[in-house]
Amino acid sequence: MIVFDLICSEQHRFEGWFASGEDFANQKHRGLLECPICGGAHVDKLPAAKIRKQSEAAEVPVEAGTGAVSKTGQGDVSQFIDYVLSHSEDVGKRFAEEARKIHREESPLRSIRGVASRTEAEDLREEGIPVFSLPIPPQDRWN
């Protein structure tokens, strides 16, 4: 299996899992790929980063309270996901409702994560509420 970072014509970023680079090209050629956010069929691969061995990897400093990875370090997806998981509240299927409450200042400002349908996510974006999709496993499957 190989994981590619993908992007659609609307600039939505997501990842796709393929048997090989040739499998990605074949699926793209056959029109089988679509953006999970907007449903757009024009999907391209983003340039891949060089993956280093664990012993070669630099520490990635995260600025406290911002969630931003320092520009001096090499980013690592697992560290980013660990940060999101440990610095956000899981509101489950109430995500869209709670995001609106936070946006309207009816609930305390905080980082949340949860589940939303494609339509709910699009509606939130249209209302000016910034959301993004991130595939995070259930808590009982965290390593």
C-alpha atoms as a PDB file:
ATOM      1  CA  MET A   1       0.000   0.000   0.000  1.00  0.00           C
ATOM      2  CA  ILE A   2       1.087   3.542  -0.712  1.00  0.00           C
ATOM      3  CA  VAL A   3      -0.488   6.733   0.622  1.00  0.00           C
ATOM      4  CA  PHE A   4      -0.601   9.822  -1.576  1.00  0.00           C
ATOM      5  CA  ASP A   5      -1.496  13.349  -0.530  1.00  0.00           C
ATOM      6  CA  LEU A   6      -4.132  14.465  -3.020  1.00  0.00           C
ATOM      7  CA  ILE A   7      -5.733  17.766  -3.967  1.00  0.00           C
ATOM      8  CA  CYS A   8      -8.826  18.601  -5.993  1.00  0.00           C
ATOM      9  CA  SER A   9      -9.431  21.571  -8.287  1.00  0.00           C
ATOM     10  CA  GLU A  10     -11.113  23.391  -5.366  1.00  0.00           C
ATOM     11  CA  GLN A  11      -7.843  23.050  -3.379  1.00  0.00           C
ATOM     12  CA  HIS A  12      -9.253  20.543  -0.855  1.00  0.00           C
ATOM     13  CA  ARG A  13      -6.443  18.340   0.446  1.00  0.00           C
ATOM     14  CA  PHE A  14      -6.923  14.718   1.454  1.00  0.00           C
ATOM     15  CA  GLU A  15      -5.090  11.432   1.258  1.00  0.00           C
ATOM     16  CA  GLY A  16      -5.699   8.311  -0.768  1.00  0.00           C
ATOM     17  CA  TRP A  17      -4.429   4.769  -0.318  1.00  0.00           C
ATOM     18  CA  PHE A  18      -3.421   2.829  -3.428  1.00  0.00           C
ATOM     19  CA  ALA A  19      -1.780  -0.469  -4.249  1.00  0.00           C
ATOM     20  CA  SER A  20       0.876   1.409  -6.270  1.00  0.00           C
ATOM     21  CA  GLY A  21       1.574   4.595  -8.186  1.00  0.00           C
ATOM     22  CA  GLU A  22       0.335   2.803 -11.280  1.00  0.00           C
ATOM     23  CA  ASP A  23      -2.931   1.990  -9.464  1.00  0.00           C
ATOM     24  CA  PHE A  24      -3.432   5.700  -8.718  1.00  0.00           C
ATOM     25  CA  ALA A  25      -2.821   6.606 -12.378  1.00  0.00           C
ATOM     26  CA  ASN A  26      -5.194   3.870 -13.537  1.00  0.00           C
ATOM     27  CA  GLN A  27      -7.997   4.989 -11.185  1.00  0.00           C
ATOM     28  CA  LYS A  28      -7.495   8.627 -12.178  1.00  0.00           C
ATOM     29  CA  HIS A  29      -7.579   7.748 -15.894  1.00  0.00           C
ATOM     30  CA  ARG A  30     -10.818   5.761 -15.381  1.00  0.00           C
ATOM     31  CA  GLY A  31     -12.448   8.667 -13.490  1.00  0.00           C
ATOM     32  CA  LEU A  32     -12.781   6.699 -10.252  1.00  0.00           C
ATOM     33  CA  LEU A  33     -11.309   9.354  -7.964  1.00  0.00           C
ATOM     34  CA  GLU A  34     -13.285  12.119  -6.291  1.00  0.00           C
ATOM     35  CA  CYS A  35     -12.755  14.659  -3.533  1.00  0.00           C
ATOM     36  CA  PRO A  36     -14.400  13.530  -0.256  1.00  0.00           C
ATOM     37  CA  ILE A  37     -15.174  17.175   0.587  1.00  0.00           C
ATOM     38  CA  CYS A  38     -16.747  18.571  -2.584  1.00  0.00           C
ATOM     39  CA  GLY A  39     -17.142  15.487  -4.759  1.00  0.00           C
ATOM     40  CA  GLY A  40     -14.995  17.013  -7.520  1.00  0.00           C
ATOM     41  CA  ALA A  41     -13.558  14.521  -9.989  1.00  0.00           C
ATOM     42  CA  HIS A  42     -10.382  16.461 -10.896  1.00  0.00           C
ATOM     43  CA  VAL A  43      -7.857  15.003  -8.417  1.00  0.00           C
ATOM     44  CA  ASP A  44      -4.052  15.295  -8.545  1.00  0.00           C
ATOM     45  CA  LYS A  45      -1.168  14.049  -6.408  1.00  0.00           C
ATOM     46  CA  LEU A  46       0.723  16.586  -4.336  1.00  0.00           C
ATOM     47  CA  PRO A  47       4.519  16.412  -4.298  1.00  0.00           C
ATOM     48  CA  ALA A  48       5.712  13.842  -1.759  1.00  0.00           C
ATOM     49  CA  ALA A  49       8.074  14.623   1.069  1.00  0.00           C
ATOM     50  CA  LYS A  50      11.152  12.523   1.617  1.00  0.00           C
ATOM     51  CA  ILE A  51      10.541  10.086   4.481  1.00  0.00           C
ATOM     52  CA  ARG A  52      13.531   9.682   6.756  1.00  0.00           C
ATOM     53  CA  LYS A  53      14.295   6.819   9.109  1.00  0.00           C
ATOM     54  CA  GLN A  54      13.259   7.358  12.737  1.00  0.00           C
ATOM     55  CA  SER A  55      16.920   7.680  13.758  1.00  0.00           C
ATOM     56  CA  GLU A  56      17.415  10.505  11.224  1.00  0.00           C
ATOM     57  CA  ALA A  57      14.217  12.396  12.018  1.00  0.00           C
ATOM     58  CA  ALA A  58      14.595  15.753  13.705  1.00  0.00           C
ATOM     59  CA  GLU A  59      12.478  16.702  16.693  1.00  0.00           C
ATOM     60  CA  VAL A  60       9.513  18.824  15.677  1.00  0.00           C
ATOM     61  CA  PRO A  61       8.948  21.645  18.151  1.00  0.00           C
ATOM     62  CA  VAL A  62       5.313  22.660  18.505  1.00  0.00           C
ATOM     63  CA  GLU A  63       4.596  26.175  19.710  1.00  0.00           C
ATOM     64  CA  ALA A  64       2.485  25.931  22.861  1.00  0.00           C
ATOM     65  CA  GLY A  65      -1.132  26.842  22.359  1.00  0.00           C
ATOM     66  CA  THR A  66      -0.952  27.338  18.603  1.00  0.00           C
ATOM     67  CA  GLY A  67      -0.691  23.848  17.206  1.00  0.00           C
ATOM     68  CA  ALA A  68       1.795  25.222  14.666  1.00  0.00           C
ATOM     69  CA  VAL A  69       4.799  23.112  13.774  1.00  0.00           C
ATOM     70  CA  SER A  70       8.025  25.085  13.922  1.00  0.00           C
ATOM     71  CA  LYS A  71       9.483  25.984  10.540  1.00  0.00           C
ATOM     72  CA  THR A  72      12.880  24.819  11.768  1.00  0.00           C
ATOM     73  CA  GLY A  73      11.747  21.190  12.181  1.00  0.00           C
ATOM     74  CA  GLN A  74      10.613  18.547   9.742  1.00  0.00           C
ATOM     75  CA  GLY A  75       6.858  17.987  10.092  1.00  0.00           C
ATOM     76  CA  ASP A  76       5.546  14.563  10.919  1.00  0.00           C
ATOM     77  CA  VAL A  77       1.905  13.613  10.402  1.00  0.00           C
ATOM     78  CA  SER A  78       1.778  11.332  13.439  1.00  0.00           C
ATOM     79  CA  GLN A  79       3.040  14.139  15.686  1.00  0.00           C
ATOM     80  CA  PHE A  80       0.414  16.475  14.247  1.00  0.00           C
ATOM     81  CA  ILE A  81      -2.367  13.947  14.818  1.00  0.00           C
ATOM     82  CA  ASP A  82      -1.099  13.293  18.369  1.00  0.00           C
ATOM     83  CA  TYR A  83      -1.212  17.035  18.999  1.00  0.00           C
ATOM     84  CA  VAL A  84      -4.762  17.350  17.655  1.00  0.00           C
ATOM     85  CA  LEU A  85      -5.950  14.370  19.706  1.00  0.00           C
ATOM     86  CA  SER A  86      -4.434  15.632  22.935  1.00  0.00           C
ATOM     87  CA  HIS A  87      -5.422  19.300  22.482  1.00  0.00           C
ATOM     88  CA  SER A  88      -9.032  19.069  21.288  1.00  0.00           C
ATOM     89  CA  GLU A  89     -12.348  17.896  22.662  1.00  0.00           C
ATOM     90  CA  ASP A  90     -14.180  15.073  20.905  1.00  0.00           C
ATOM     91  CA  VAL A  91     -17.802  16.181  20.472  1.00  0.00           C
ATOM     92  CA  GLY A  92     -18.704  13.223  18.244  1.00  0.00           C
ATOM     93  CA  LYS A  93     -21.772  13.592  16.052  1.00  0.00           C
ATOM     94  CA  ARG A  94     -22.566  16.982  17.645  1.00  0.00           C
ATOM     95  CA  PHE A  95     -19.643  18.546  15.727  1.00  0.00           C
ATOM     96  CA  ALA A  96     -21.636  20.823  13.409  1.00  0.00           C
ATOM     97  CA  GLU A  97     -23.935  21.974  16.226  1.00  0.00           C
ATOM     98  CA  GLU A  98     -21.048  22.667  18.607  1.00  0.00           C
ATOM     99  CA  ALA A  99     -18.963  24.429  15.915  1.00  0.00           C
ATOM    100  CA  ARG A 100     -21.883  26.804  15.308  1.00  0.00           C
ATOM    101  CA  LYS A 101     -22.271  27.474  19.046  1.00  0.00           C
ATOM    102  CA  ILE A 102     -18.566  28.295  19.357  1.00  0.00           C
ATOM    103  CA  HIS A 103     -18.724  30.523  16.269  1.00  0.00           C
ATOM    104  CA  ARG A 104     -21.728  32.394  17.698  1.00  0.00           C
ATOM    105  CA  GLU A 105     -19.965  32.646  21.097  1.00  0.00           C
ATOM    106  CA  GLU A 106     -22.742  30.593  22.725  1.00  0.00           C
ATOM    107  CA  SER A 107     -20.165  28.012  23.901  1.00  0.00           C
ATOM    108  CA  PRO A 108     -16.626  28.532  25.204  1.00  0.00           C
ATOM    109  CA  LEU A 109     -13.903  28.971  22.571  1.00  0.00           C
ATOM    110  CA  ARG A 110     -11.944  25.720  22.295  1.00  0.00           C
ATOM    111  CA  SER A 111     -10.594  23.244  19.757  1.00  0.00           C
ATOM    112  CA  ILE A 112     -13.051  20.494  18.906  1.00  0.00           C
ATOM    113  CA  ARG A 113     -13.116  17.430  16.701  1.00  0.00           C
ATOM    114  CA  GLY A 114     -15.927  15.105  15.747  1.00  0.00           C
ATOM    115  CA  VAL A 115     -17.975  13.694  12.921  1.00  0.00           C
ATOM    116  CA  ALA A 116     -19.762  15.683  10.222  1.00  0.00           C
ATOM    117  CA  SER A 117     -21.214  14.718   6.880  1.00  0.00           C
ATOM    118  CA  ARG A 118     -19.865  16.289   3.696  1.00  0.00           C
ATOM    119  CA  THR A 119     -23.010  18.446   3.531  1.00  0.00           C
ATOM    120  CA  GLU A 120     -22.642  19.589   7.147  1.00  0.00           C
ATOM    121  CA  ALA A 121     -18.987  20.527   6.554  1.00  0.00           C
ATOM    122  CA  GLU A 122     -19.893  22.472   3.384  1.00  0.00           C
ATOM    123  CA  ASP A 123     -22.695  24.288   5.251  1.00  0.00           C
ATOM    124  CA  LEU A 124     -20.286  25.262   8.037  1.00  0.00           C
ATOM    125  CA  ARG A 125     -17.785  26.631   5.503  1.00  0.00           C
ATOM    126  CA  GLU A 126     -20.530  28.634   3.772  1.00  0.00           C
ATOM    127  CA  GLU A 127     -21.413  30.139   7.172  1.00  0.00           C
ATOM    128  CA  GLY A 128     -17.788  31.271   7.542  1.00  0.00           C
ATOM    129  CA  ILE A 129     -16.866  28.611  10.104  1.00  0.00           C
ATOM    130  CA  PRO A 130     -13.424  27.183   9.286  1.00  0.00           C
ATOM    131  CA  VAL A 131     -13.406  23.371   9.366  1.00  0.00           C
ATOM    132  CA  PHE A 132     -11.222  20.734   7.778  1.00  0.00           C
ATOM    133  CA  SER A 133     -11.331  16.977   7.447  1.00  0.00           C
ATOM    134  CA  LEU A 134      -8.664  14.915   9.140  1.00  0.00           C
ATOM    135  CA  PRO A 135      -8.829  11.121   9.308  1.00  0.00           C
ATOM    136  CA  ILE A 136      -8.248  10.348  12.981  1.00  0.00           C
ATOM    137  CA  PRO A 137      -8.823   6.842  14.343  1.00  0.00           C
ATOM    138  CA  PRO A 138     -11.171   6.231  17.284  1.00  0.00           C
ATOM    139  CA  GLN A 139      -9.522   6.766  20.677  1.00  0.00           C
ATOM    140  CA  ASP A 140      -9.375   3.048  21.453  1.00  0.00           C
ATOM    141  CA  ARG A 141      -7.103   2.606  18.410  1.00  0.00           C
ATOM    142  CA  TRP A 142      -4.550   5.311  19.296  1.00  0.00           C
ATOM    143  CA  ASN A 143      -1.006   3.981  19.493  1.00  0.00           C
END
